[in-house]
Structures are given as structure tokens and as C-alpha cells.
Amino acid sequence: MALKKDKQKVLGEFFDDERIKSFFEYESSDTENADFHLLEKAYRGMIAENFGTFVGFFVEAGKDINAKNQYNSTFLQTIKDHKQAEEYIAILEKAGAQ
């Protein structure tokens, strides 16, 4: 199965809660919104099931699910046209993303 660059298939990596929470350790640059950066890292590094768990922790930690990037777009808005993002979009929308 071939996947587009917008979402790479992750095989064989186990994500327990601690591994999922480790994504909160990623630091953003001074010009990038830290919450947007965390959502992007998790999206690119996790299957949908793990991403859903991450989003739960993200919201629970008081992070901004509608954080915007340098182009004034939320993370949800940036992935809306990704062909492999349907499950991720549903997770974000369920968490209140716009």
C-alpha cells in the first residue's frame, strides 16, 4: 500500500501512555506556536488511535486545540485536504477543534 507524503505509515512501534506523553517534550522554534507544533508532531508520528489518546492528554493539559500557525490556520484547517487524515480530522473535531 502506497501512502502520500502527508501521512507516513508507522509499523512496529509500540505507544503506551508514557510514549504518547513524551510528545509533549518536543520544543518549537521561537516563531512557531508551541501547541500547534505539538499537534503536528503527534499527527506525523502516530497512528490515529494513538493520536486520539494524545489529543485527550493535550486537552486535559489545557493546551489550545485551536492554536494557529504562522499563516493563521488551525491545525485542523491545515490537514483538511490530506487524503489520509479522515480519522485524525474526526478526532480533532470531537475535541472541539475548528
Protein backbone atom coordinates (compact mmCIF):
# COMPACT_ATOMS: atom_id res chain seq x y z
CA MET A 1 0.00 0.00 0.00
CA ALA A 2 1.47 3.35 -1.02
CA LEU A 3 0.81 6.42 1.06
CA LYS A 4 1.31 10.05 0.14
CA LYS A 5 3.86 12.21 1.92
CA ASP A 6 1.15 13.83 4.05
CA LYS A 7 0.96 10.70 6.21
CA GLN A 8 3.62 8.03 6.51
CA LYS A 9 2.67 4.56 7.70
CA VAL A 10 4.20 3.69 11.08
CA LEU A 11 4.89 -0.01 11.64
CA GLY A 12 6.00 -1.93 14.67
CA GLU A 13 6.33 0.90 17.17
CA PHE A 14 4.50 0.46 20.48
CA PHE A 15 2.89 3.55 22.01
CA ASP A 16 1.92 3.25 25.66
CA ASP A 17 0.67 6.30 27.58
CA GLU A 18 4.20 7.32 28.58
CA ARG A 19 5.42 7.18 24.98
CA ILE A 20 2.42 9.24 23.87
CA LYS A 21 3.03 11.81 26.61
CA SER A 22 6.68 12.06 25.54
CA PHE A 23 5.47 14.07 22.54
CA PHE A 24 4.85 16.97 24.94
CA GLU A 25 8.63 17.27 25.25
CA TYR A 26 9.06 18.49 21.66
CA GLU A 27 10.06 22.14 21.65
CA SER A 28 9.01 24.57 18.96
CA SER A 29 11.04 27.37 17.45
CA ASP A 30 10.58 30.91 18.69
CA THR A 31 8.43 31.71 15.67
CA GLU A 32 6.11 28.71 15.90
CA ASN A 33 3.13 28.29 18.22
CA ALA A 34 4.11 25.57 20.71
CA ASP A 35 0.66 23.92 20.83
CA PHE A 36 0.36 23.85 17.03
CA HIS A 37 3.84 22.29 16.88
CA LEU A 38 2.87 19.53 19.33
CA LEU A 39 -0.25 18.65 17.35
CA GLU A 40 1.78 18.48 14.15
CA LYS A 41 4.47 16.26 15.70
CA ALA A 42 1.86 13.87 17.10
CA TYR A 43 -0.03 13.76 13.80
CA ARG A 44 3.09 12.94 11.84
CA GLY A 45 4.37 10.40 14.35
CA MET A 46 1.29 8.45 15.44
CA ILE A 47 -1.43 6.25 14.05
CA ALA A 48 -4.95 7.61 14.57
CA GLU A 49 -5.65 5.55 17.69
CA ASN A 50 -2.54 6.90 19.44
CA PHE A 51 -3.25 10.40 18.16
CA GLY A 52 -6.68 10.21 19.78
CA THR A 53 -5.08 9.37 23.10
CA PHE A 54 -2.60 12.21 22.64
CA VAL A 55 -5.40 14.70 21.91
CA GLY A 56 -7.13 13.61 25.13
CA PHE A 57 -3.96 14.30 27.12
CA PHE A 58 -3.44 17.54 25.15
CA VAL A 59 -6.88 18.91 26.05
CA GLU A 60 -6.58 17.65 29.63
CA ALA A 61 -3.31 19.59 29.97
CA GLY A 62 -5.08 22.81 28.98
CA LYS A 63 -3.37 23.09 25.61
CA ASP A 64 -5.01 25.06 22.79
CA ILE A 65 -6.66 22.67 20.29
CA ASN A 66 -7.23 25.70 18.03
CA ALA A 67 -3.67 27.03 18.14
CA LYS A 68 -2.70 28.70 14.89
CA ASN A 69 0.39 28.55 12.73
CA GLN A 70 2.23 31.44 11.10
CA TYR A 71 -0.43 31.53 8.36
CA ASN A 72 -3.24 31.99 10.93
CA SER A 73 -4.61 28.48 10.32
CA THR A 74 -5.53 25.97 12.99
CA PHE A 75 -4.03 22.51 12.78
CA LEU A 76 -7.39 21.10 11.75
CA GLN A 77 -7.57 23.58 8.87
CA THR A 78 -4.10 22.57 7.69
CA ILE A 79 -4.90 18.85 7.44
CA LYS A 80 -8.42 19.12 5.98
CA ASP A 81 -7.12 18.37 2.46
CA HIS A 82 -4.84 15.47 3.43
CA LYS A 83 -6.17 12.30 1.85
CA GLN A 84 -5.18 10.03 4.76
CA ALA A 85 -6.42 12.35 7.54
CA GLU A 86 -10.11 11.43 7.92
CA GLU A 87 -9.69 9.72 11.30
CA TYR A 88 -7.43 12.48 12.59
CA ILE A 89 -9.91 15.14 11.49
CA ALA A 90 -12.72 13.35 13.33
CA ILE A 91 -10.59 13.15 16.50
CA LEU A 92 -9.78 16.84 16.37
CA GLU A 93 -13.38 17.84 15.70
CA LYS A 94 -14.61 15.69 18.59
CA ALA A 95 -12.13 17.52 20.84
CA GLY A 96 -13.57 20.89 19.76
CA ALA A 97 -11.12 21.87 17.04
CA GLN A 98 -12.29 24.27 14.38
